[in-house]
Amino acid sequence: MDLLTFLILVIILIAVLFMVYYFFRGAKGDLALARPVESRVDEYLDRRFQQMVDEWELVSHSRLSAFVGQHTQEIESDEARLAGLKNYESGMQTTLVSLEARLDTLEKELARKGTAKK
């Protein structure tokens, strides 16, 4: 083995050691060598999960269930009131249409009477 071959082997060995170091650098959890990318992504998500929940303003299932349990009656009563208001609105629309028709009729009769007197 001559000097050039030895230097190439040393450079390759250093490159491989650097790649292995870079791969495991910052790894705190279990890294699977069979699926290295997925295990790094899983580790990243595990470390940053709470930060992502706070950033995206997400709610856990337990907090959502507790909220629904506490406010179900209020929500149902609000929905019943909203249905009542919708009925009232439709009744008012019907009354408004009726009043507008009566007003149009009165305006036409007044216009006829006004032209008949002249």
N, C-alpha and C. Protein backbone atom coordinates (compact mmCIF):
# COMPACT_ATOMS: atom_id res chain seq x y z
N MET A 1 0.85 -1.16 0.00
CA MET A 1 0.00 0.00 0.00
C MET A 1 0.90 1.23 0.00
N ASP A 2 0.71 2.04 -0.96
CA ASP A 2 1.56 3.22 -1.05
C ASP A 2 0.91 4.39 -0.31
N LEU A 3 1.56 5.49 -0.30
CA LEU A 3 1.13 6.66 0.46
C LEU A 3 -0.18 7.24 -0.08
N LEU A 4 -0.35 7.27 -1.38
CA LEU A 4 -1.55 7.82 -1.99
C LEU A 4 -2.79 7.00 -1.61
N THR A 5 -2.71 5.70 -1.64
CA THR A 5 -3.82 4.84 -1.27
C THR A 5 -4.16 5.03 0.21
N PHE A 6 -3.16 5.15 1.04
CA PHE A 6 -3.35 5.37 2.46
C PHE A 6 -4.07 6.70 2.71
N LEU A 7 -3.66 7.75 2.04
CA LEU A 7 -4.31 9.06 2.20
C LEU A 7 -5.76 9.02 1.73
N ILE A 8 -6.04 8.34 0.63
CA ILE A 8 -7.42 8.22 0.14
C ILE A 8 -8.28 7.47 1.16
N LEU A 9 -7.75 6.40 1.72
CA LEU A 9 -8.49 5.65 2.74
C LEU A 9 -8.74 6.50 3.98
N VAL A 10 -7.78 7.29 4.40
CA VAL A 10 -7.94 8.16 5.56
C VAL A 10 -9.01 9.22 5.28
N ILE A 11 -8.98 9.81 4.09
CA ILE A 11 -9.97 10.82 3.72
C ILE A 11 -11.37 10.21 3.68
N ILE A 12 -11.49 9.03 3.12
CA ILE A 12 -12.79 8.35 3.07
C ILE A 12 -13.26 8.03 4.48
N LEU A 13 -12.38 7.55 5.32
CA LEU A 13 -12.73 7.23 6.71
C LEU A 13 -13.17 8.49 7.46
N ILE A 14 -12.47 9.59 7.28
CA ILE A 14 -12.85 10.85 7.92
C ILE A 14 -14.22 11.31 7.42
N ALA A 15 -14.46 11.17 6.12
CA ALA A 15 -15.75 11.57 5.55
C ALA A 15 -16.87 10.71 6.13
N VAL A 16 -16.65 9.41 6.24
CA VAL A 16 -17.67 8.52 6.80
C VAL A 16 -17.91 8.86 8.27
N LEU A 17 -16.85 9.07 9.02
CA LEU A 17 -17.02 9.43 10.44
C LEU A 17 -17.75 10.77 10.59
N PHE A 18 -17.44 11.73 9.71
CA PHE A 18 -18.13 13.01 9.76
C PHE A 18 -19.62 12.84 9.44
N MET A 19 -19.94 12.01 8.47
CA MET A 19 -21.34 11.78 8.11
C MET A 19 -22.08 11.10 9.26
N VAL A 20 -21.45 10.14 9.91
CA VAL A 20 -22.08 9.46 11.05
C VAL A 20 -22.27 10.45 12.20
N TYR A 21 -21.24 11.27 12.46
CA TYR A 21 -21.37 12.29 13.51
C TYR A 21 -22.49 13.27 13.18
N TYR A 22 -22.55 13.73 11.95
CA TYR A 22 -23.58 14.69 11.54
C TYR A 22 -24.98 14.07 11.66
N PHE A 23 -25.09 12.79 11.34
CA PHE A 23 -26.38 12.11 11.45
C PHE A 23 -26.85 12.03 12.89
N PHE A 24 -25.96 11.68 13.81
CA PHE A 24 -26.35 11.50 15.20
C PHE A 24 -26.26 12.78 16.01
N ARG A 25 -25.76 13.85 15.43
CA ARG A 25 -25.63 15.12 16.15
C ARG A 25 -27.02 15.65 16.48
N GLY A 26 -27.24 15.99 17.71
CA GLY A 26 -28.52 16.52 18.14
C GLY A 26 -29.59 15.47 18.36
N ALA A 27 -29.25 14.21 18.16
CA ALA A 27 -30.24 13.15 18.36
C ALA A 27 -30.36 12.85 19.84
N LYS A 28 -31.58 12.92 20.35
CA LYS A 28 -31.80 12.64 21.77
C LYS A 28 -32.67 11.41 21.96
N GLY A 29 -33.41 11.03 20.95
CA GLY A 29 -34.33 9.91 21.08
C GLY A 29 -33.78 8.68 20.40
N ASP A 30 -34.68 7.76 20.11
CA ASP A 30 -34.30 6.53 19.44
C ASP A 30 -34.27 6.76 17.94
N LEU A 31 -33.13 6.54 17.35
CA LEU A 31 -33.00 6.65 15.90
C LEU A 31 -32.93 5.25 15.33
N ALA A 32 -33.78 5.00 14.36
CA ALA A 32 -33.78 3.69 13.70
C ALA A 32 -32.93 3.79 12.45
N LEU A 33 -31.94 2.93 12.37
CA LEU A 33 -31.07 2.95 11.19
C LEU A 33 -31.78 2.42 9.96
N ALA A 34 -32.84 1.63 10.17
CA ALA A 34 -33.59 1.11 9.03
C ALA A 34 -34.40 2.22 8.36
N ARG A 35 -34.82 3.20 9.13
CA ARG A 35 -35.58 4.33 8.58
C ARG A 35 -35.08 5.61 9.23
N PRO A 36 -33.93 6.07 8.82
CA PRO A 36 -33.30 7.20 9.52
C PRO A 36 -34.05 8.52 9.35
N VAL A 37 -34.58 8.78 8.18
CA VAL A 37 -35.27 10.06 7.96
C VAL A 37 -36.55 10.12 8.78
N GLU A 38 -37.33 9.06 8.73
CA GLU A 38 -38.59 9.05 9.48
C GLU A 38 -38.35 9.17 10.98
N SER A 39 -37.32 8.51 11.48
CA SER A 39 -37.05 8.58 12.90
C SER A 39 -36.59 9.98 13.30
N ARG A 40 -35.84 10.66 12.43
CA ARG A 40 -35.44 12.04 12.72
C ARG A 40 -36.64 12.97 12.71
N VAL A 41 -37.55 12.77 11.76
CA VAL A 41 -38.76 13.59 11.71
C VAL A 41 -39.61 13.34 12.95
N ASP A 42 -39.75 12.07 13.34
CA ASP A 42 -40.51 11.76 14.56
C ASP A 42 -39.89 12.42 15.77
N GLU A 43 -38.57 12.37 15.86
CA GLU A 43 -37.88 12.99 16.99
C GLU A 43 -38.10 14.50 16.98
N TYR A 44 -38.02 15.12 15.81
CA TYR A 44 -38.23 16.56 15.70
C TYR A 44 -39.65 16.93 16.14
N LEU A 45 -40.63 16.17 15.67
CA LEU A 45 -42.02 16.44 16.06
C LEU A 45 -42.24 16.25 17.55
N ASP A 46 -41.60 15.23 18.11
CA ASP A 46 -41.74 15.00 19.55
C ASP A 46 -41.17 16.17 20.35
N ARG A 47 -40.04 16.71 19.90
CA ARG A 47 -39.42 17.82 20.62
C ARG A 47 -40.20 19.11 20.45
N ARG A 48 -40.78 19.33 19.29
CA ARG A 48 -41.44 20.61 18.99
C ARG A 48 -42.96 20.57 19.08
N PHE A 49 -43.52 19.47 19.58
CA PHE A 49 -44.97 19.30 19.56
C PHE A 49 -45.69 20.40 20.35
N GLN A 50 -45.26 20.65 21.57
CA GLN A 50 -45.93 21.65 22.40
C GLN A 50 -45.81 23.04 21.78
N GLN A 51 -44.68 23.34 21.19
CA GLN A 51 -44.50 24.63 20.53
C GLN A 51 -45.45 24.77 19.33
N MET A 52 -45.63 23.69 18.56
CA MET A 52 -46.55 23.74 17.42
C MET A 52 -48.00 23.88 17.89
N VAL A 53 -48.36 23.21 18.98
CA VAL A 53 -49.72 23.34 19.51
C VAL A 53 -49.98 24.78 19.92
N ASP A 54 -49.01 25.40 20.60
CA ASP A 54 -49.17 26.79 21.01
C ASP A 54 -49.21 27.73 19.81
N GLU A 55 -48.34 27.49 18.84
CA GLU A 55 -48.25 28.36 17.67
C GLU A 55 -49.51 28.29 16.82
N TRP A 56 -50.03 27.10 16.63
CA TRP A 56 -51.22 26.93 15.78
C TRP A 56 -52.51 27.03 16.58
N GLU A 57 -52.39 27.28 17.88
CA GLU A 57 -53.53 27.42 18.78
C GLU A 57 -54.46 26.21 18.70
N LEU A 58 -53.88 25.03 18.80
CA LEU A 58 -54.65 23.78 18.76
C LEU A 58 -55.16 23.44 20.16
N VAL A 59 -56.18 22.61 20.21
CA VAL A 59 -56.77 22.19 21.47
C VAL A 59 -56.73 20.67 21.53
N SER A 60 -56.42 20.14 22.69
CA SER A 60 -56.38 18.69 22.83
C SER A 60 -57.80 18.14 22.94
N HIS A 61 -57.94 16.83 22.69
CA HIS A 61 -59.26 16.19 22.76
C HIS A 61 -59.86 16.29 24.15
N SER A 62 -59.04 16.15 25.17
CA SER A 62 -59.58 16.19 26.54
C SER A 62 -60.12 17.58 26.87
N ARG A 63 -59.41 18.64 26.47
CA ARG A 63 -59.90 20.00 26.73
C ARG A 63 -61.15 20.29 25.92
N LEU A 64 -61.20 19.79 24.69
CA LEU A 64 -62.39 19.99 23.86
C LEU A 64 -63.59 19.26 24.45
N SER A 65 -63.39 18.03 24.91
CA SER A 65 -64.48 17.28 25.53
C SER A 65 -64.96 17.96 26.79
N ALA A 66 -64.04 18.48 27.59
CA ALA A 66 -64.43 19.19 28.82
C ALA A 66 -65.23 20.44 28.47
N PHE A 67 -64.81 21.17 27.46
CA PHE A 67 -65.54 22.37 27.05
C PHE A 67 -66.94 22.03 26.57
N VAL A 68 -67.04 21.01 25.74
CA VAL A 68 -68.36 20.60 25.23
C VAL A 68 -69.24 20.14 26.38
N GLY A 69 -68.69 19.40 27.31
CA GLY A 69 -69.47 18.94 28.45
C GLY A 69 -69.98 20.08 29.31
N GLN A 70 -69.16 21.11 29.48
CA GLN A 70 -69.55 22.24 30.31
C GLN A 70 -70.57 23.15 29.62
N HIS A 71 -70.48 23.27 28.32
CA HIS A 71 -71.27 24.27 27.61
C HIS A 71 -72.34 23.69 26.68
N THR A 72 -72.63 22.41 26.78
CA THR A 72 -73.62 21.79 25.90
C THR A 72 -75.00 22.40 26.10
N GLN A 73 -75.41 22.58 27.34
CA GLN A 73 -76.74 23.13 27.60
C GLN A 73 -76.85 24.56 27.10
N GLU A 74 -75.80 25.34 27.31
CA GLU A 74 -75.81 26.72 26.82
C GLU A 74 -75.91 26.76 25.29
N ILE A 75 -75.15 25.90 24.64
CA ILE A 75 -75.16 25.86 23.18
C ILE A 75 -76.54 25.45 22.67
N GLU A 76 -77.15 24.45 23.30
CA GLU A 76 -78.47 24.00 22.88
C GLU A 76 -79.52 25.09 23.09
N SER A 77 -79.44 25.80 24.22
CA SER A 77 -80.40 26.88 24.45
C SER A 77 -80.19 28.02 23.47
N ASP A 78 -78.95 28.32 23.15
CA ASP A 78 -78.68 29.35 22.15
C ASP A 78 -79.20 28.95 20.78
N GLU A 79 -79.05 27.68 20.43
CA GLU A 79 -79.57 27.20 19.15
C GLU A 79 -81.09 27.28 19.12
N ALA A 80 -81.76 26.98 20.25
CA ALA A 80 -83.22 27.08 20.31
C ALA A 80 -83.65 28.54 20.18
N ARG A 81 -82.95 29.44 20.85
CA ARG A 81 -83.26 30.87 20.71
C ARG A 81 -83.04 31.34 19.29
N LEU A 82 -82.00 30.86 18.66
CA LEU A 82 -81.71 31.23 17.28
C LEU A 82 -82.81 30.74 16.35
N ALA A 83 -83.32 29.54 16.58
CA ALA A 83 -84.43 29.03 15.76
C ALA A 83 -85.67 29.89 15.96
N GLY A 84 -85.93 30.29 17.20
CA GLY A 84 -87.06 31.18 17.47
C GLY A 84 -86.90 32.52 16.78
N LEU A 85 -85.69 33.05 16.78
CA LEU A 85 -85.43 34.32 16.10
C LEU A 85 -85.60 34.19 14.59
N LYS A 86 -85.21 33.06 14.05
CA LYS A 86 -85.40 32.83 12.60
C LYS A 86 -86.89 32.81 12.26
N ASN A 87 -87.69 32.15 13.10
CA ASN A 87 -89.14 32.14 12.89
C ASN A 87 -89.70 33.56 12.98
N TYR A 88 -89.25 34.32 13.96
CA TYR A 88 -89.70 35.69 14.12
C TYR A 88 -89.33 36.52 12.89
N GLU A 89 -88.11 36.30 12.40
CA GLU A 89 -87.65 37.04 11.21
C GLU A 89 -88.53 36.72 10.01
N SER A 90 -88.85 35.46 9.80
CA SER A 90 -89.69 35.11 8.65
C SER A 90 -91.09 35.69 8.81
N GLY A 91 -91.62 35.72 10.03
CA GLY A 91 -92.91 36.35 10.27
C GLY A 91 -92.87 37.85 10.00
N MET A 92 -91.79 38.48 10.42
CA MET A 92 -91.65 39.92 10.18
C MET A 92 -91.50 40.21 8.69
N GLN A 93 -90.81 39.34 7.97
CA GLN A 93 -90.69 39.52 6.51
C GLN A 93 -92.06 39.44 5.85
N THR A 94 -92.86 38.49 6.28
CA THR A 94 -94.22 38.35 5.73
C THR A 94 -95.06 39.59 6.04
N THR A 95 -94.97 40.07 7.29
CA THR A 95 -95.71 41.28 7.67
C THR A 95 -95.23 42.49 6.88
N LEU A 96 -93.93 42.60 6.68
CA LEU A 96 -93.37 43.72 5.92
C LEU A 96 -93.86 43.70 4.47
N VAL A 97 -93.87 42.53 3.88
CA VAL A 97 -94.36 42.41 2.50
C VAL A 97 -95.83 42.81 2.44
N SER A 98 -96.61 42.37 3.42
CA SER A 98 -98.03 42.71 3.46
C SER A 98 -98.21 44.22 3.63
N LEU A 99 -97.45 44.84 4.52
CA LEU A 99 -97.55 46.29 4.73
C LEU A 99 -97.14 47.06 3.49
N GLU A 100 -96.10 46.60 2.79
CA GLU A 100 -95.68 47.28 1.56
C GLU A 100 -96.77 47.19 0.50
N ALA A 101 -97.44 46.05 0.41
CA ALA A 101 -98.53 45.90 -0.56
C ALA A 101 -99.68 46.83 -0.22
N ARG A 102 -100.00 46.92 1.06
CA ARG A 102 -101.07 47.84 1.48
C ARG A 102 -100.69 49.29 1.22
N LEU A 103 -99.42 49.62 1.47
CA LEU A 103 -98.95 50.98 1.21
C LEU A 103 -99.03 51.31 -0.27
N ASP A 104 -98.63 50.37 -1.12
CA ASP A 104 -98.73 50.59 -2.58
C ASP A 104 -100.18 50.81 -2.99
N THR A 105 -101.08 50.04 -2.41
CA THR A 105 -102.50 50.19 -2.73
C THR A 105 -103.00 51.57 -2.30
N LEU A 106 -102.63 51.99 -1.09
CA LEU A 106 -103.03 53.31 -0.61
C LEU A 106 -102.47 54.43 -1.47
N GLU A 107 -101.21 54.31 -1.87
CA GLU A 107 -100.59 55.32 -2.72
C GLU A 107 -101.30 55.41 -4.07
N LYS A 108 -101.67 54.28 -4.62
CA LYS A 108 -102.38 54.28 -5.90
C LYS A 108 -103.75 54.93 -5.76
N GLU A 109 -104.46 54.62 -4.66
CA GLU A 109 -105.78 55.22 -4.46
C GLU A 109 -105.67 56.72 -4.24
N LEU A 110 -104.65 57.15 -3.47
CA LEU A 110 -104.45 58.58 -3.27
C LEU A 110 -104.11 59.28 -4.58
N ALA A 111 -103.30 58.62 -5.39
CA ALA A 111 -102.95 59.21 -6.69
C ALA A 111 -104.18 59.31 -7.58
N ARG A 112 -105.05 58.30 -7.55
CA ARG A 112 -106.29 58.34 -8.33
C ARG A 112 -107.23 59.44 -7.84
N LYS A 113 -107.37 59.58 -6.54
CA LYS A 113 -108.23 60.60 -5.96
C LYS A 113 -107.69 61.99 -6.26
N GLY A 114 -106.35 62.09 -6.20
CA GLY A 114 -105.72 63.39 -6.48
C GLY A 114 -105.91 63.81 -7.92
N THR A 115 -105.84 62.89 -8.86
CA THR A 115 -106.04 63.22 -10.27
C THR A 115 -107.53 63.39 -10.58
N ALA A 116 -108.41 62.73 -9.81
CA ALA A 116 -109.85 62.84 -10.06
C ALA A 116 -110.35 64.20 -9.61
N LYS A 117 -109.79 64.81 -8.59
CA LYS A 117 -110.24 66.12 -8.10
C LYS A 117 -109.82 67.25 -9.04
N LYS A 118 -108.79 67.08 -9.78
CA LYS A 118 -108.31 68.14 -10.67
C LYS A 118 -109.10 68.28 -11.87
